[in-house]
């Protein structure tokens, strides 16, 4: 199940693999080609059964183009996941992460509008 709060947007070619819930907060942007993936496999088991964990994206977050958000990840309030990043661990509030695996690049600062 995919749920999304007010004033959020999902661009074209976004893949939401919703075996279990994906929750997107308010004022979020999920950019073109991002992959939100709630499923994986238990590689320690000989039959590699499906394993699923929910994804939560809190208010004011931006998931940039072609990024991957893995099972069980929470992207906290105001965080930005850079283009093509691979996120397998939670992202702290008001941080920018990027790379594979994603690491913190900097804090996100909001400038006042004049």
Protein backbone atom coordinates (compact mmCIF):
# COMPACT_ATOMS: atom_id res chain seq x y z
CA UNK A 1 0.00 0.00 0.00
CA UNK A 2 1.27 3.45 -0.96
CA UNK A 3 0.06 6.46 1.01
CA UNK A 4 1.01 10.07 0.45
CA UNK A 5 0.17 13.23 2.38
CA UNK A 6 -0.74 16.65 0.97
CA UNK A 7 1.39 18.65 -1.46
CA UNK A 8 3.69 15.73 -2.32
CA UNK A 9 4.53 14.62 -5.85
CA UNK A 10 5.76 11.46 -7.55
CA UNK A 11 7.36 12.02 -10.98
CA UNK A 12 7.13 9.65 -13.94
CA UNK A 13 9.08 6.39 -14.05
CA UNK A 14 9.17 6.09 -10.24
CA UNK A 15 8.92 2.46 -9.11
CA UNK A 16 7.13 1.93 -5.79
CA UNK A 17 7.50 -1.77 -5.00
CA UNK A 18 4.87 -1.97 -2.26
CA UNK A 19 4.91 -5.47 -0.82
CA UNK A 20 4.38 -3.72 2.52
CA UNK A 21 3.47 -0.05 3.09
CA UNK A 22 5.34 2.94 1.75
CA UNK A 23 4.38 6.15 3.56
CA UNK A 24 5.27 9.51 2.01
CA UNK A 25 4.75 12.60 4.15
CA UNK A 26 3.65 16.11 3.20
CA UNK A 27 5.60 18.43 0.87
CA UNK A 28 7.81 15.62 -0.49
CA UNK A 29 9.19 15.18 -3.99
CA UNK A 30 10.01 11.76 -5.44
CA UNK A 31 11.91 12.50 -8.66
CA UNK A 32 12.04 10.70 -11.99
CA UNK A 33 13.25 7.13 -11.99
CA UNK A 34 13.58 6.69 -8.21
CA UNK A 35 13.04 3.15 -6.89
CA UNK A 36 11.35 2.69 -3.52
CA UNK A 37 11.83 -1.02 -2.79
CA UNK A 38 10.23 -2.70 0.23
CA UNK A 39 11.34 -6.22 -0.73
CA UNK A 40 14.52 -8.27 -0.76
CA UNK A 41 15.54 -11.89 -0.15
CA UNK A 42 17.12 -13.74 2.77
CA UNK A 43 20.40 -14.83 1.18
CA UNK A 44 21.29 -16.93 4.25
CA UNK A 45 18.42 -19.33 3.55
CA UNK A 46 18.84 -21.94 0.77
CA UNK A 47 15.50 -20.98 -0.82
CA UNK A 48 16.09 -17.23 -0.40
CA UNK A 49 12.58 -16.37 0.82
CA UNK A 50 11.16 -12.92 0.31
CA UNK A 51 11.74 -10.42 3.12
CA UNK A 52 9.74 -7.19 3.24
CA UNK A 53 10.07 -4.06 5.39
CA UNK A 54 8.15 -0.76 5.08
CA UNK A 55 9.63 2.53 3.87
CA UNK A 56 8.80 5.86 5.51
CA UNK A 57 9.61 9.23 3.97
CA UNK A 58 8.87 12.10 6.35
CA UNK A 59 7.69 15.62 5.51
CA UNK A 60 9.76 17.98 3.34
CA UNK A 61 12.07 15.28 1.98
CA UNK A 62 13.35 15.08 -1.58
CA UNK A 63 14.24 11.74 -3.17
CA UNK A 64 16.24 12.76 -6.25
CA UNK A 65 16.31 11.15 -9.68
CA UNK A 66 17.29 7.50 -10.04
CA UNK A 67 17.96 6.99 -6.34
CA UNK A 68 17.27 3.69 -4.58
CA UNK A 69 15.58 3.49 -1.17
CA UNK A 70 15.85 0.01 0.29
CA UNK A 71 13.59 -2.02 2.60
CA UNK A 72 13.08 -0.70 6.11
CA UNK A 73 14.59 2.73 5.43
CA UNK A 74 13.23 5.90 7.04
CA UNK A 75 14.10 9.22 5.39
CA UNK A 76 13.55 11.77 8.12
CA UNK A 77 12.10 15.28 7.93
CA UNK A 78 13.75 17.63 5.42
CA UNK A 79 16.37 15.16 4.20
CA UNK A 80 17.61 15.05 0.61
CA UNK A 81 18.74 11.85 -1.12
CA UNK A 82 21.00 12.87 -4.03
CA UNK A 83 20.59 11.56 -7.57
CA UNK A 84 21.62 7.91 -8.05
CA UNK A 85 22.24 7.37 -4.31
CA UNK A 86 21.75 3.90 -2.82
CA UNK A 87 20.15 4.22 0.62
CA UNK A 88 20.15 1.14 2.85
CA UNK A 89 20.13 2.90 6.25
CA UNK A 90 17.98 5.63 7.77
CA UNK A 91 18.66 9.23 6.70
CA UNK A 92 18.81 11.83 9.48
CA UNK A 93 16.64 14.96 9.44
CA UNK A 94 17.90 17.93 7.41
CA UNK A 95 20.87 16.10 5.89
CA UNK A 96 21.92 15.50 2.29
CA UNK A 97 23.18 12.01 1.46
CA UNK A 98 24.65 10.62 -1.74
CA UNK A 99 26.74 7.84 -3.24
CA UNK A 100 26.73 4.06 -3.12
CA UNK A 101 26.30 3.31 -0.31
CA UNK A 102 24.81 6.67 0.61
CA UNK A 103 26.73 8.72 3.17
CA UNK A 104 26.15 12.15 4.63
CA UNK A 105 27.43 14.90 2.34
CA UNK A 106 26.32 17.92 4.35
CA UNK A 107 23.54 19.44 6.40
CA UNK A 108 20.60 20.96 4.55
CA UNK A 109 20.12 24.65 5.20
CA UNK A 110 17.00 26.56 4.16
CA UNK A 111 17.56 30.20 3.17
CA UNK A 112 14.96 32.79 4.02
CA UNK A 113 13.07 34.22 1.05
CA UNK A 114 13.59 37.95 0.71
